[in-house]
């Protein structure tokens, strides 16, 4: 694949009036592309992708460009965002239990690798929690330390189980039977 072509095609999907908080626009992206500064252009396009929802093809082109540039975390992020265009966005403020309270002793990997179970309110016929699985992405950090707190994004493996969740709702993370962390939902935008 041609990285330049992938980045150009992605940039054409960004509305001209879009601008980041730092006033970065698609014109800035084109300046970097003209000087073969592909990695910088990719980063700016990722930022522009946060301004307003963009189509899955934008994120697919970005992921392919990041893969060609061997930018693993960036490629994973673009694939994540591509999935969010289909399945919706769930963001939460997650607090992990401290190791002294029975929490995990190693950091939670931040790039969507961990697939913990979540108690989101479903129950079995006997009244026990019926857990739902969702991958976890730690925003703005490569990992979340034991006992730490950070904003996260969730990608449910079965999105229809999550249709009832709402901002402000508290859900719990489980890697084993005890609670591993508590999350307050910040944003829930699921497809109709």
N, C-alpha and C. Protein backbone atom coordinates (compact mmCIF):
# COMPACT_ATOMS: atom_id res chain seq x y z
N UNK A 1 0.83 -1.19 0.00
CA UNK A 1 0.00 0.00 0.00
C UNK A 1 0.88 1.25 0.00
N UNK A 2 0.36 2.30 -0.56
CA UNK A 2 1.05 3.57 -0.61
C UNK A 2 0.57 4.45 0.55
N UNK A 3 1.47 4.71 1.49
CA UNK A 3 1.12 5.49 2.69
C UNK A 3 0.56 6.86 2.31
N UNK A 4 1.21 7.52 1.38
CA UNK A 4 0.76 8.85 0.98
C UNK A 4 -0.68 8.79 0.45
N UNK A 5 -0.97 7.81 -0.39
CA UNK A 5 -2.33 7.68 -0.94
C UNK A 5 -3.35 7.41 0.17
N UNK A 6 -2.98 6.57 1.14
CA UNK A 6 -3.89 6.27 2.25
C UNK A 6 -4.18 7.52 3.08
N UNK A 7 -3.13 8.30 3.37
CA UNK A 7 -3.32 9.50 4.16
C UNK A 7 -4.09 10.57 3.40
N UNK A 8 -3.84 10.68 2.09
CA UNK A 8 -4.60 11.63 1.28
C UNK A 8 -6.08 11.26 1.26
N UNK A 9 -6.36 9.97 1.05
CA UNK A 9 -7.77 9.55 0.99
C UNK A 9 -8.46 9.79 2.33
N UNK A 10 -7.76 9.55 3.44
CA UNK A 10 -8.34 9.82 4.75
C UNK A 10 -8.60 11.31 4.93
N UNK A 11 -7.64 12.15 4.52
CA UNK A 11 -7.79 13.59 4.72
C UNK A 11 -8.95 14.16 3.91
N UNK A 12 -9.26 13.54 2.78
CA UNK A 12 -10.39 14.02 1.97
C UNK A 12 -11.73 13.78 2.65
N UNK A 13 -11.76 12.92 3.66
CA UNK A 13 -13.00 12.63 4.38
C UNK A 13 -13.23 13.56 5.57
N UNK A 14 -12.25 14.41 5.86
CA UNK A 14 -12.38 15.36 6.97
C UNK A 14 -13.01 16.64 6.44
N UNK A 15 -14.14 17.06 7.00
CA UNK A 15 -14.74 18.32 6.54
C UNK A 15 -13.76 19.49 6.68
N UNK A 16 -13.75 20.36 5.68
CA UNK A 16 -12.81 21.48 5.65
C UNK A 16 -12.92 22.37 6.88
N UNK A 17 -14.13 22.52 7.43
CA UNK A 17 -14.33 23.42 8.57
C UNK A 17 -13.90 22.80 9.90
N UNK A 18 -13.52 21.54 9.90
CA UNK A 18 -13.08 20.88 11.13
C UNK A 18 -11.76 21.47 11.62
N UNK A 19 -11.69 21.70 12.92
CA UNK A 19 -10.45 22.21 13.53
C UNK A 19 -10.36 21.67 14.95
N UNK A 20 -9.15 21.34 15.37
CA UNK A 20 -8.93 20.86 16.73
C UNK A 20 -8.91 22.06 17.68
N UNK A 21 -8.78 21.78 18.98
CA UNK A 21 -8.69 22.86 19.97
C UNK A 21 -7.48 23.74 19.71
N UNK A 22 -6.44 23.18 19.08
CA UNK A 22 -5.23 23.94 18.77
C UNK A 22 -5.28 24.53 17.36
N UNK A 23 -6.47 24.59 16.78
CA UNK A 23 -6.70 25.15 15.44
C UNK A 23 -5.97 24.39 14.33
N UNK A 24 -5.76 23.10 14.52
CA UNK A 24 -5.21 22.26 13.44
C UNK A 24 -6.35 21.94 12.50
N UNK A 25 -6.08 22.12 11.20
CA UNK A 25 -7.09 21.83 10.18
C UNK A 25 -6.51 20.85 9.16
N UNK A 26 -7.34 20.46 8.24
CA UNK A 26 -6.89 19.55 7.19
C UNK A 26 -5.84 20.22 6.30
N UNK A 27 -5.84 21.54 6.22
CA UNK A 27 -4.80 22.25 5.47
C UNK A 27 -3.42 21.99 6.08
N UNK A 28 -3.36 21.92 7.41
CA UNK A 28 -2.09 21.61 8.08
C UNK A 28 -1.63 20.20 7.71
N UNK A 29 -2.58 19.29 7.64
CA UNK A 29 -2.25 17.91 7.24
C UNK A 29 -1.64 17.91 5.85
N UNK A 30 -2.26 18.64 4.92
CA UNK A 30 -1.75 18.68 3.54
C UNK A 30 -0.34 19.27 3.48
N UNK A 31 -0.05 20.24 4.35
CA UNK A 31 1.32 20.81 4.40
C UNK A 31 2.33 19.73 4.77
N UNK A 32 2.00 18.92 5.78
CA UNK A 32 2.92 17.86 6.19
C UNK A 32 3.02 16.77 5.13
N UNK A 33 1.92 16.47 4.47
CA UNK A 33 1.98 15.47 3.40
C UNK A 33 2.85 15.95 2.24
N UNK A 34 2.80 17.25 1.93
CA UNK A 34 3.61 17.81 0.85
C UNK A 34 5.10 17.69 1.14
N UNK A 35 5.46 17.61 2.44
CA UNK A 35 6.86 17.51 2.83
C UNK A 35 7.22 16.10 3.31
N UNK A 36 6.39 15.12 2.94
CA UNK A 36 6.62 13.71 3.30
C UNK A 36 6.77 13.49 4.81
N UNK A 37 6.09 14.28 5.60
CA UNK A 37 6.06 14.12 7.06
C UNK A 37 4.83 13.29 7.41
N UNK A 38 4.85 12.02 7.02
CA UNK A 38 3.67 11.16 7.10
C UNK A 38 3.25 10.87 8.53
N UNK A 39 4.21 10.65 9.40
CA UNK A 39 3.87 10.32 10.78
C UNK A 39 3.18 11.51 11.46
N UNK A 40 3.66 12.71 11.21
CA UNK A 40 3.03 13.91 11.78
C UNK A 40 1.63 14.06 11.20
N UNK A 41 1.49 13.88 9.89
CA UNK A 41 0.17 14.00 9.24
C UNK A 41 -0.81 12.98 9.83
N UNK A 42 -0.34 11.77 10.07
CA UNK A 42 -1.17 10.74 10.67
C UNK A 42 -1.66 11.18 12.06
N UNK A 43 -0.74 11.70 12.87
CA UNK A 43 -1.11 12.17 14.20
C UNK A 43 -2.13 13.29 14.16
N UNK A 44 -1.97 14.22 13.23
CA UNK A 44 -2.93 15.32 13.10
C UNK A 44 -4.29 14.82 12.65
N UNK A 45 -4.29 13.85 11.74
CA UNK A 45 -5.56 13.26 11.30
C UNK A 45 -6.26 12.54 12.45
N UNK A 46 -5.48 11.87 13.31
CA UNK A 46 -6.08 11.23 14.48
C UNK A 46 -6.76 12.28 15.35
N UNK A 47 -6.10 13.42 15.55
CA UNK A 47 -6.69 14.50 16.34
C UNK A 47 -7.96 15.03 15.69
N UNK A 48 -7.93 15.21 14.37
CA UNK A 48 -9.12 15.69 13.66
C UNK A 48 -10.26 14.68 13.75
N UNK A 49 -9.92 13.41 13.89
CA UNK A 49 -10.94 12.37 14.04
C UNK A 49 -11.69 12.48 15.36
N UNK A 50 -11.14 13.23 16.31
CA UNK A 50 -11.81 13.43 17.59
C UNK A 50 -12.76 14.62 17.57
N UNK A 51 -12.67 15.46 16.53
CA UNK A 51 -13.49 16.67 16.46
C UNK A 51 -14.94 16.32 16.19
N UNK A 52 -15.17 15.41 15.25
CA UNK A 52 -16.52 14.97 14.91
C UNK A 52 -16.43 13.55 14.39
N UNK A 53 -17.53 12.81 14.46
CA UNK A 53 -17.49 11.42 13.96
C UNK A 53 -17.15 11.38 12.48
N UNK A 54 -16.25 10.47 12.14
CA UNK A 54 -15.86 10.27 10.74
C UNK A 54 -16.18 8.82 10.37
N UNK A 55 -16.35 8.54 9.08
CA UNK A 55 -16.78 7.20 8.66
C UNK A 55 -15.71 6.13 8.90
N UNK A 56 -16.15 4.90 8.91
CA UNK A 56 -15.25 3.76 9.13
C UNK A 56 -14.12 3.73 8.11
N UNK A 57 -14.38 4.12 6.88
CA UNK A 57 -13.35 4.10 5.84
C UNK A 57 -12.19 5.05 6.18
N UNK A 58 -12.48 6.15 6.87
CA UNK A 58 -11.43 7.07 7.32
C UNK A 58 -10.48 6.32 8.25
N UNK A 59 -11.07 5.64 9.26
CA UNK A 59 -10.25 4.94 10.24
C UNK A 59 -9.54 3.74 9.63
N UNK A 60 -10.17 3.08 8.66
CA UNK A 60 -9.52 1.94 7.99
C UNK A 60 -8.30 2.41 7.21
N UNK A 61 -8.41 3.53 6.51
CA UNK A 61 -7.26 4.09 5.77
C UNK A 61 -6.16 4.49 6.74
N UNK A 62 -6.55 5.10 7.84
CA UNK A 62 -5.57 5.50 8.84
C UNK A 62 -4.85 4.29 9.43
N UNK A 63 -5.60 3.25 9.72
CA UNK A 63 -5.00 2.02 10.29
C UNK A 63 -4.02 1.41 9.30
N UNK A 64 -4.41 1.36 8.04
CA UNK A 64 -3.51 0.80 7.02
C UNK A 64 -2.24 1.62 6.90
N UNK A 65 -2.37 2.96 6.94
CA UNK A 65 -1.18 3.82 6.87
C UNK A 65 -0.29 3.61 8.08
N UNK A 66 -0.88 3.53 9.26
CA UNK A 66 -0.10 3.31 10.49
C UNK A 66 0.61 1.96 10.45
N UNK A 67 -0.05 0.95 9.91
CA UNK A 67 0.59 -0.37 9.78
C UNK A 67 1.78 -0.30 8.83
N UNK A 68 1.62 0.40 7.72
CA UNK A 68 2.72 0.56 6.77
C UNK A 68 3.89 1.31 7.40
N UNK A 69 3.58 2.25 8.27
CA UNK A 69 4.63 3.02 8.95
C UNK A 69 5.16 2.30 10.19
N UNK A 70 4.63 1.13 10.46
CA UNK A 70 5.02 0.30 11.61
C UNK A 70 4.80 1.02 12.95
N UNK A 71 3.65 1.69 13.03
CA UNK A 71 3.26 2.39 14.25
C UNK A 71 2.14 1.56 14.90
N UNK A 72 2.56 0.56 15.67
CA UNK A 72 1.63 -0.43 16.20
C UNK A 72 0.50 0.13 17.04
N UNK A 73 0.83 0.99 18.00
CA UNK A 73 -0.23 1.54 18.86
C UNK A 73 -1.18 2.42 18.07
N UNK A 74 -0.65 3.20 17.16
CA UNK A 74 -1.49 4.06 16.33
C UNK A 74 -2.41 3.21 15.45
N UNK A 75 -1.88 2.14 14.88
CA UNK A 75 -2.70 1.24 14.05
C UNK A 75 -3.81 0.61 14.89
N UNK A 76 -3.47 0.18 16.10
CA UNK A 76 -4.47 -0.42 16.99
C UNK A 76 -5.55 0.60 17.34
N UNK A 77 -5.14 1.85 17.60
CA UNK A 77 -6.10 2.90 17.92
C UNK A 77 -7.05 3.16 16.75
N UNK A 78 -6.51 3.22 15.55
CA UNK A 78 -7.36 3.47 14.38
C UNK A 78 -8.32 2.32 14.13
N UNK A 79 -7.86 1.09 14.34
CA UNK A 79 -8.77 -0.06 14.24
C UNK A 79 -9.85 0.03 15.31
N UNK A 80 -9.46 0.44 16.53
CA UNK A 80 -10.42 0.61 17.62
C UNK A 80 -11.51 1.61 17.21
N UNK A 81 -11.07 2.77 16.70
CA UNK A 81 -12.02 3.81 16.30
C UNK A 81 -12.90 3.36 15.14
N UNK A 82 -12.33 2.56 14.24
CA UNK A 82 -13.14 2.00 13.16
C UNK A 82 -14.27 1.14 13.74
N UNK A 83 -13.94 0.33 14.74
CA UNK A 83 -14.95 -0.49 15.40
C UNK A 83 -16.01 0.35 16.09
N UNK A 84 -15.60 1.48 16.68
CA UNK A 84 -16.56 2.36 17.34
C UNK A 84 -17.56 2.95 16.36
N UNK A 85 -17.16 3.15 15.10
CA UNK A 85 -18.10 3.69 14.12
C UNK A 85 -19.24 2.71 13.87
N UNK A 86 -18.97 1.41 14.01
CA UNK A 86 -19.99 0.37 13.82
C UNK A 86 -20.78 0.09 15.10
N UNK A 87 -20.05 -0.08 16.21
CA UNK A 87 -20.65 -0.60 17.43
C UNK A 87 -20.96 0.46 18.47
N UNK A 88 -20.49 1.69 18.28
CA UNK A 88 -20.76 2.75 19.22
C UNK A 88 -19.60 3.01 20.17
N UNK A 89 -19.76 4.03 20.99
CA UNK A 89 -18.73 4.48 21.91
C UNK A 89 -19.24 4.35 23.34
N UNK A 90 -18.42 3.71 24.18
CA UNK A 90 -18.70 3.68 25.61
C UNK A 90 -17.42 4.13 26.30
N UNK A 91 -17.51 5.26 27.01
CA UNK A 91 -16.38 5.78 27.76
C UNK A 91 -16.73 5.75 29.25
N UNK A 92 -15.71 5.52 30.06
CA UNK A 92 -15.94 5.44 31.50
C UNK A 92 -14.72 5.94 32.26
N UNK A 93 -14.93 6.28 33.51
CA UNK A 93 -13.85 6.63 34.43
C UNK A 93 -13.64 5.39 35.31
N UNK A 94 -12.51 4.69 35.09
CA UNK A 94 -12.23 3.42 35.77
C UNK A 94 -11.24 3.62 36.91
N UNK A 95 -11.58 3.06 38.06
CA UNK A 95 -10.67 3.01 39.21
C UNK A 95 -10.42 1.55 39.54
N UNK A 96 -9.15 1.13 39.47
CA UNK A 96 -8.78 -0.25 39.80
C UNK A 96 -8.61 -0.39 41.30
N UNK A 97 -8.91 -1.57 41.81
CA UNK A 97 -8.66 -1.84 43.23
C UNK A 97 -7.15 -1.92 43.44
N UNK A 98 -6.72 -1.48 44.60
CA UNK A 98 -5.30 -1.55 44.96
C UNK A 98 -4.92 -3.00 45.25
N UNK A 99 -3.67 -3.36 45.00
CA UNK A 99 -3.22 -4.72 45.32
C UNK A 99 -3.46 -5.08 46.79
N UNK A 100 -3.32 -4.11 47.68
CA UNK A 100 -3.53 -4.37 49.11
C UNK A 100 -4.99 -4.71 49.42
N UNK A 101 -5.90 -4.36 48.51
CA UNK A 101 -7.33 -4.66 48.67
C UNK A 101 -7.76 -5.83 47.80
N UNK A 102 -6.79 -6.59 47.30
CA UNK A 102 -7.11 -7.75 46.46
C UNK A 102 -7.13 -7.47 44.98
N UNK A 103 -6.70 -6.28 44.57
CA UNK A 103 -6.67 -5.93 43.14
C UNK A 103 -5.47 -6.53 42.44
N UNK A 104 -5.44 -6.39 41.15
CA UNK A 104 -4.34 -6.92 40.34
C UNK A 104 -3.02 -6.29 40.74
N UNK A 105 -1.94 -7.03 40.51
CA UNK A 105 -0.60 -6.58 40.90
C UNK A 105 0.22 -6.06 39.72
N UNK A 106 -0.29 -6.24 38.53
CA UNK A 106 0.41 -5.75 37.34
C UNK A 106 -0.48 -4.74 36.61
N UNK A 107 0.13 -3.86 35.83
CA UNK A 107 -0.66 -2.85 35.12
C UNK A 107 -1.62 -3.47 34.10
N UNK A 108 -2.73 -2.80 33.87
CA UNK A 108 -3.66 -3.17 32.82
C UNK A 108 -3.09 -2.63 31.51
N UNK A 109 -2.84 -3.49 30.52
CA UNK A 109 -2.35 -2.98 29.24
C UNK A 109 -3.39 -2.04 28.62
N UNK A 110 -2.91 -0.94 28.06
CA UNK A 110 -3.82 0.10 27.63
C UNK A 110 -4.38 0.02 26.23
N UNK A 111 -3.86 -0.83 25.36
CA UNK A 111 -4.22 -0.78 23.94
C UNK A 111 -5.25 -1.83 23.52
N UNK A 112 -6.27 -2.04 24.33
CA UNK A 112 -7.37 -2.91 23.92
C UNK A 112 -7.09 -4.39 23.98
N UNK A 113 -6.07 -4.80 24.70
CA UNK A 113 -5.69 -6.21 24.78
C UNK A 113 -6.53 -6.95 25.82
N UNK A 114 -6.75 -6.32 26.97
CA UNK A 114 -7.48 -6.96 28.06
C UNK A 114 -8.97 -7.04 27.73
N UNK A 115 -9.57 -8.20 28.00
CA UNK A 115 -11.00 -8.43 27.76
C UNK A 115 -11.67 -8.87 29.07
N UNK A 116 -11.80 -7.97 30.02
CA UNK A 116 -12.39 -8.37 31.30
C UNK A 116 -13.90 -8.54 31.20
N UNK A 117 -14.44 -9.15 32.24
CA UNK A 117 -15.89 -9.27 32.39
C UNK A 117 -16.38 -8.05 33.15
N UNK A 118 -17.62 -7.66 32.87
CA UNK A 118 -18.22 -6.49 33.50
C UNK A 118 -19.59 -6.85 34.04
N UNK A 119 -19.87 -6.41 35.26
CA UNK A 119 -21.21 -6.54 35.81
C UNK A 119 -21.94 -5.26 35.42
N UNK A 120 -22.84 -5.39 34.44
CA UNK A 120 -23.59 -4.23 33.94
C UNK A 120 -25.08 -4.33 34.30
N UNK A 121 -25.38 -5.22 35.27
CA UNK A 121 -26.74 -5.29 35.78
C UNK A 121 -27.54 -6.51 35.36
N UNK A 122 -27.05 -7.31 34.44
CA UNK A 122 -27.78 -8.52 34.05
C UNK A 122 -27.65 -9.59 35.13
N UNK A 123 -28.68 -10.42 35.28
CA UNK A 123 -28.68 -11.48 36.27
C UNK A 123 -29.07 -12.80 35.63
N UNK A 124 -28.53 -13.89 36.21
CA UNK A 124 -28.90 -15.24 35.80
C UNK A 124 -30.26 -15.56 36.43
N UNK A 125 -30.90 -16.66 36.03
CA UNK A 125 -32.18 -17.04 36.66
C UNK A 125 -32.08 -17.24 38.17
N UNK A 126 -30.88 -17.56 38.67
CA UNK A 126 -30.70 -17.75 40.11
C UNK A 126 -30.31 -16.46 40.83
N UNK A 127 -30.23 -15.35 40.10
CA UNK A 127 -29.92 -14.07 40.72
C UNK A 127 -28.46 -13.68 40.75
N UNK A 128 -27.59 -14.56 40.25
CA UNK A 128 -26.16 -14.25 40.19
C UNK A 128 -25.89 -13.26 39.05
N UNK A 129 -24.80 -12.50 39.13
CA UNK A 129 -24.47 -11.61 38.02
C UNK A 129 -24.20 -12.40 36.74
N UNK A 130 -24.72 -11.91 35.64
CA UNK A 130 -24.44 -12.46 34.32
C UNK A 130 -23.51 -11.44 33.65
N UNK A 131 -22.25 -11.76 33.62
CA UNK A 131 -21.24 -10.81 33.15
C UNK A 131 -21.27 -10.64 31.63
N UNK A 132 -20.87 -9.45 31.19
CA UNK A 132 -20.70 -9.15 29.78
C UNK A 132 -19.23 -8.82 29.57
N UNK A 133 -18.67 -9.25 28.46
CA UNK A 133 -17.25 -9.05 28.18
C UNK A 133 -17.08 -7.83 27.27
N UNK A 134 -16.08 -7.01 27.59
CA UNK A 134 -15.75 -5.86 26.75
C UNK A 134 -14.25 -5.62 26.81
N UNK A 135 -13.65 -5.39 25.66
CA UNK A 135 -12.24 -5.01 25.63
C UNK A 135 -12.11 -3.62 26.22
N UNK A 136 -10.90 -3.32 26.70
CA UNK A 136 -10.66 -2.09 27.44
C UNK A 136 -9.48 -1.33 26.82
N UNK A 137 -9.67 -0.06 26.54
CA UNK A 137 -8.60 0.82 26.03
C UNK A 137 -8.43 1.95 27.04
N UNK A 138 -7.22 2.11 27.56
CA UNK A 138 -6.92 3.20 28.48
C UNK A 138 -6.58 4.43 27.65
N UNK A 139 -7.32 5.51 27.85
CA UNK A 139 -7.10 6.73 27.07
C UNK A 139 -5.84 7.45 27.53
N UNK A 140 -5.02 7.82 26.57
CA UNK A 140 -3.88 8.67 26.85
C UNK A 140 -2.73 8.04 27.62
N UNK A 141 -2.72 6.73 27.78
CA UNK A 141 -1.63 6.08 28.52
C UNK A 141 -1.43 4.67 27.98
N UNK A 142 -0.19 4.19 28.02
CA UNK A 142 0.06 2.82 27.55
C UNK A 142 -0.46 1.75 28.48
N UNK A 143 -0.72 2.11 29.76
CA UNK A 143 -1.21 1.14 30.75
C UNK A 143 -1.83 1.89 31.91
N UNK A 144 -2.59 1.14 32.74
CA UNK A 144 -3.15 1.69 33.96
C UNK A 144 -2.58 0.89 35.12
N UNK A 145 -1.91 1.59 36.01
CA UNK A 145 -1.23 0.95 37.14
C UNK A 145 -2.24 0.38 38.14
N UNK A 146 -1.85 -0.67 38.87
CA UNK A 146 -2.72 -1.22 39.90
C UNK A 146 -3.14 -0.12 40.89
N UNK A 147 -4.44 -0.08 41.20
CA UNK A 147 -4.96 0.95 42.09
C UNK A 147 -5.15 2.30 41.42
N UNK A 148 -4.82 2.40 40.13
CA UNK A 148 -4.89 3.67 39.42
C UNK A 148 -6.29 4.00 38.91
N UNK A 149 -6.38 5.20 38.37
CA UNK A 149 -7.64 5.70 37.84
C UNK A 149 -7.38 6.38 36.51
N UNK A 150 -8.26 6.14 35.52
CA UNK A 150 -8.08 6.75 34.20
C UNK A 150 -9.38 6.66 33.40
N UNK A 151 -9.53 7.56 32.42
CA UNK A 151 -10.64 7.39 31.49
C UNK A 151 -10.33 6.22 30.55
N UNK A 152 -11.35 5.42 30.27
CA UNK A 152 -11.18 4.25 29.40
C UNK A 152 -12.31 4.21 28.39
N UNK A 153 -12.09 3.42 27.34
CA UNK A 153 -13.12 3.14 26.34
C UNK A 153 -13.36 1.64 26.38
N UNK A 154 -14.61 1.24 26.19
CA UNK A 154 -14.97 -0.16 26.22
C UNK A 154 -15.52 -0.57 24.86
N UNK A 155 -15.14 -1.76 24.42
CA UNK A 155 -15.65 -2.34 23.18
C UNK A 155 -16.29 -3.68 23.52
N UNK A 156 -17.63 -3.68 23.70
CA UNK A 156 -18.32 -4.91 24.06
C UNK A 156 -18.20 -5.98 22.98
N UNK A 157 -17.99 -7.23 23.41
CA UNK A 157 -17.96 -8.33 22.46
C UNK A 157 -19.36 -8.66 21.97
N UNK A 158 -20.37 -8.36 22.79
CA UNK A 158 -21.77 -8.53 22.40
C UNK A 158 -22.48 -7.20 22.66
N UNK A 159 -22.41 -6.27 21.70
CA UNK A 159 -22.94 -4.92 21.93
C UNK A 159 -24.41 -4.88 22.37
N UNK A 160 -25.23 -5.81 21.88
CA UNK A 160 -26.66 -5.75 22.24
C UNK A 160 -26.90 -5.92 23.74
N UNK A 161 -25.96 -6.55 24.46
CA UNK A 161 -26.11 -6.69 25.91
C UNK A 161 -25.92 -5.36 26.64
N UNK A 162 -25.36 -4.39 25.96
CA UNK A 162 -25.02 -3.11 26.59
C UNK A 162 -26.02 -2.00 26.25
N UNK A 163 -27.09 -2.31 25.55
CA UNK A 163 -28.04 -1.29 25.09
C UNK A 163 -28.68 -0.49 26.23
N UNK A 164 -28.76 -1.07 27.42
CA UNK A 164 -29.44 -0.41 28.55
C UNK A 164 -28.53 0.52 29.36
N UNK A 165 -27.22 0.49 29.13
CA UNK A 165 -26.32 1.29 29.98
C UNK A 165 -26.45 2.78 29.65
N UNK A 166 -26.25 3.60 30.67
CA UNK A 166 -26.41 5.04 30.54
C UNK A 166 -25.30 5.78 31.28
N UNK A 167 -24.97 7.01 30.85
CA UNK A 167 -23.99 7.80 31.59
C UNK A 167 -24.40 7.95 33.05
N UNK A 168 -23.40 7.90 33.93
CA UNK A 168 -23.64 7.99 35.36
C UNK A 168 -23.79 6.63 36.03
N UNK A 169 -24.07 5.60 35.24
CA UNK A 169 -24.22 4.25 35.79
C UNK A 169 -22.86 3.73 36.25
N UNK A 170 -22.87 3.01 37.38
CA UNK A 170 -21.64 2.40 37.90
C UNK A 170 -21.65 0.93 37.53
N UNK A 171 -20.54 0.47 36.92
CA UNK A 171 -20.38 -0.93 36.56
C UNK A 171 -19.08 -1.43 37.19
N UNK A 172 -18.96 -2.74 37.33
CA UNK A 172 -17.75 -3.27 37.96
C UNK A 172 -17.00 -4.19 37.02
N UNK A 173 -15.68 -4.14 37.12
CA UNK A 173 -14.76 -4.94 36.33
C UNK A 173 -14.41 -6.20 37.12
N UNK A 174 -14.40 -7.32 36.41
CA UNK A 174 -14.04 -8.60 37.04
C UNK A 174 -13.09 -9.35 36.12
N UNK A 175 -11.93 -9.71 36.66
CA UNK A 175 -11.04 -10.64 35.96
C UNK A 175 -11.14 -12.01 36.61
N UNK A 176 -11.51 -12.00 37.88
CA UNK A 176 -11.82 -13.20 38.65
C UNK A 176 -13.09 -12.86 39.42
N UNK A 177 -13.52 -13.70 40.33
CA UNK A 177 -14.77 -13.45 41.04
C UNK A 177 -14.79 -12.12 41.80
N UNK A 178 -13.73 -11.77 42.56
CA UNK A 178 -13.79 -10.47 43.25
C UNK A 178 -13.78 -9.30 42.26
N UNK A 179 -14.32 -8.18 42.71
CA UNK A 179 -14.33 -6.96 41.90
C UNK A 179 -12.90 -6.49 41.72
N UNK A 180 -12.52 -6.21 40.47
CA UNK A 180 -11.18 -5.72 40.17
C UNK A 180 -11.13 -4.21 40.00
N UNK A 181 -12.30 -3.60 39.81
CA UNK A 181 -12.35 -2.16 39.63
C UNK A 181 -13.78 -1.70 39.46
N UNK A 182 -13.97 -0.40 39.59
CA UNK A 182 -15.29 0.21 39.45
C UNK A 182 -15.20 1.31 38.41
N UNK A 183 -16.19 1.37 37.53
CA UNK A 183 -16.21 2.39 36.48
C UNK A 183 -17.53 3.14 36.50
N UNK A 184 -17.43 4.45 36.33
CA UNK A 184 -18.61 5.29 36.16
C UNK A 184 -18.69 5.63 34.68
N UNK A 185 -19.80 5.30 34.05
CA UNK A 185 -19.95 5.57 32.61
C UNK A 185 -20.05 7.07 32.37
N UNK A 186 -19.24 7.55 31.45
CA UNK A 186 -19.19 8.97 31.11
C UNK A 186 -19.97 9.30 29.85
N UNK A 187 -19.89 8.39 28.87
CA UNK A 187 -20.49 8.63 27.56
C UNK A 187 -20.93 7.30 26.99
N UNK A 188 -22.15 7.26 26.48
CA UNK A 188 -22.67 6.06 25.83
C UNK A 188 -23.37 6.51 24.56
N UNK A 189 -22.79 6.15 23.42
CA UNK A 189 -23.39 6.45 22.11
C UNK A 189 -23.40 5.15 21.32
N UNK A 190 -24.53 4.46 21.39
CA UNK A 190 -24.66 3.18 20.70
C UNK A 190 -25.51 3.35 19.46
N UNK A 191 -25.24 2.57 18.41
CA UNK A 191 -26.07 2.68 17.20
C UNK A 191 -27.50 2.24 17.49
N UNK A 192 -28.42 2.78 16.74
CA UNK A 192 -29.85 2.42 16.93
C UNK A 192 -30.06 0.98 16.60
